């Protein structure tokens, strides 16, 4: 499996919402998203200029990977190759 990339919270939140997670609520700089299939939710911290920790990033991926209907390793690959910055190139 590829090495976990360094990801900003805002980019990751936008990606999750775009590919199937439902935004639930926000409180301060923490945004909740929900997997509509399993109803499992996770909180994504969006602190300006700060990256998500690798453990937190991996934990959120593990909780919500089913919601966006791709494997965790594919998500990591997409972030590693910076396809998040050019979402038009993504084809599922």
Protein backbone atom coordinates (compact mmCIF):
# COMPACT_ATOMS: atom_id res chain seq x y z
CA UNK A 1 0.00 0.00 0.00
CA UNK A 2 1.30 3.50 -0.77
CA UNK A 3 2.60 5.72 1.99
CA UNK A 4 -0.01 8.04 3.53
CA UNK A 5 0.16 11.53 2.00
CA UNK A 6 0.08 14.85 3.81
CA UNK A 7 -3.40 16.32 3.39
CA UNK A 8 -5.05 19.57 4.48
CA UNK A 9 -8.30 19.15 6.41
CA UNK A 10 -10.27 21.39 4.03
CA UNK A 11 -9.16 19.44 0.95
CA UNK A 12 -10.05 16.14 2.59
CA UNK A 13 -13.47 17.41 3.72
CA UNK A 14 -14.27 18.69 0.22
CA UNK A 15 -13.23 15.35 -1.25
CA UNK A 16 -15.42 13.37 1.16
CA UNK A 17 -18.48 15.52 0.46
CA UNK A 18 -17.93 15.38 -3.30
CA UNK A 19 -17.70 11.60 -3.34
CA UNK A 20 -20.65 10.60 -1.23
CA UNK A 21 -20.45 11.65 2.42
CA UNK A 22 -23.22 13.85 3.75
CA UNK A 23 -22.23 16.96 5.70
CA UNK A 24 -23.98 16.89 9.07
CA UNK A 25 -22.87 19.85 11.13
CA UNK A 26 -19.98 22.04 12.10
CA UNK A 27 -18.81 23.51 15.34
CA UNK A 28 -15.93 25.92 15.13
CA UNK A 29 -13.32 24.42 12.85
CA UNK A 30 -14.60 20.82 13.10
CA UNK A 31 -16.95 19.49 10.43
CA UNK A 32 -18.93 16.26 10.70
CA UNK A 33 -19.66 14.02 7.73
CA UNK A 34 -21.77 10.87 7.62
CA UNK A 35 -21.62 7.71 5.56
CA UNK A 36 -25.19 7.53 4.19
CA UNK A 37 -25.05 3.75 3.84
CA UNK A 38 -23.86 2.80 7.31
CA UNK A 39 -24.77 6.02 9.14
CA UNK A 40 -21.30 6.16 10.62
CA UNK A 41 -20.04 9.69 11.13
CA UNK A 42 -16.59 11.18 11.51
CA UNK A 43 -15.29 14.62 12.37
CA UNK A 44 -12.77 16.34 10.11
CA UNK A 45 -10.81 19.20 11.70
CA UNK A 46 -10.22 22.11 9.35
CA UNK A 47 -7.54 24.29 10.90
CA UNK A 48 -6.19 26.90 8.51
CA UNK A 49 -2.73 26.15 7.26
CA UNK A 50 -2.42 22.85 9.14
CA UNK A 51 -2.22 19.34 7.80
CA UNK A 52 -4.16 16.38 9.17
CA UNK A 53 -2.08 14.02 11.24
CA UNK A 54 -1.41 10.71 9.53
CA UNK A 55 -3.16 8.73 12.26
CA UNK A 56 -6.26 10.94 12.10
CA UNK A 57 -6.27 10.79 8.29
CA UNK A 58 -6.01 6.98 8.37
CA UNK A 59 -8.75 6.73 11.00
CA UNK A 60 -11.22 8.84 9.04
CA UNK A 61 -10.44 6.86 5.87
CA UNK A 62 -11.05 3.61 7.68
CA UNK A 63 -14.38 4.80 9.08
CA UNK A 64 -15.76 6.30 5.88
CA UNK A 65 -14.14 4.44 2.97
CA UNK A 66 -17.39 2.59 2.20
CA UNK A 67 -19.26 5.89 1.76
CA UNK A 68 -17.25 6.92 -1.25
CA UNK A 69 -17.28 3.39 -2.66
CA UNK A 70 -13.57 3.07 -3.22
CA UNK A 71 -10.90 1.28 -1.30
CA UNK A 72 -8.71 2.98 1.25
CA UNK A 73 -5.61 2.27 -0.84
CA UNK A 74 -7.16 3.99 -3.88
CA UNK A 75 -7.96 7.08 -1.82
CA UNK A 76 -4.39 7.19 -0.56
CA UNK A 77 -3.12 6.76 -4.12
CA UNK A 78 -5.30 9.62 -5.39
CA UNK A 79 -4.08 11.95 -2.65
CA UNK A 80 -0.47 10.89 -3.24
CA UNK A 81 -0.68 11.69 -6.93
CA UNK A 82 -2.41 15.06 -6.24
CA UNK A 83 -5.49 14.13 -8.26
CA UNK A 84 -7.47 15.89 -5.56
CA UNK A 85 -6.22 19.18 -6.99
CA UNK A 86 -7.62 18.26 -10.42
CA UNK A 87 -10.88 16.39 -9.73
CA UNK A 88 -11.89 16.35 -13.41
CA UNK A 89 -9.22 13.72 -14.00
CA UNK A 90 -10.84 11.29 -11.58
CA UNK A 91 -12.79 8.53 -13.26
CA UNK A 92 -14.52 5.81 -11.25
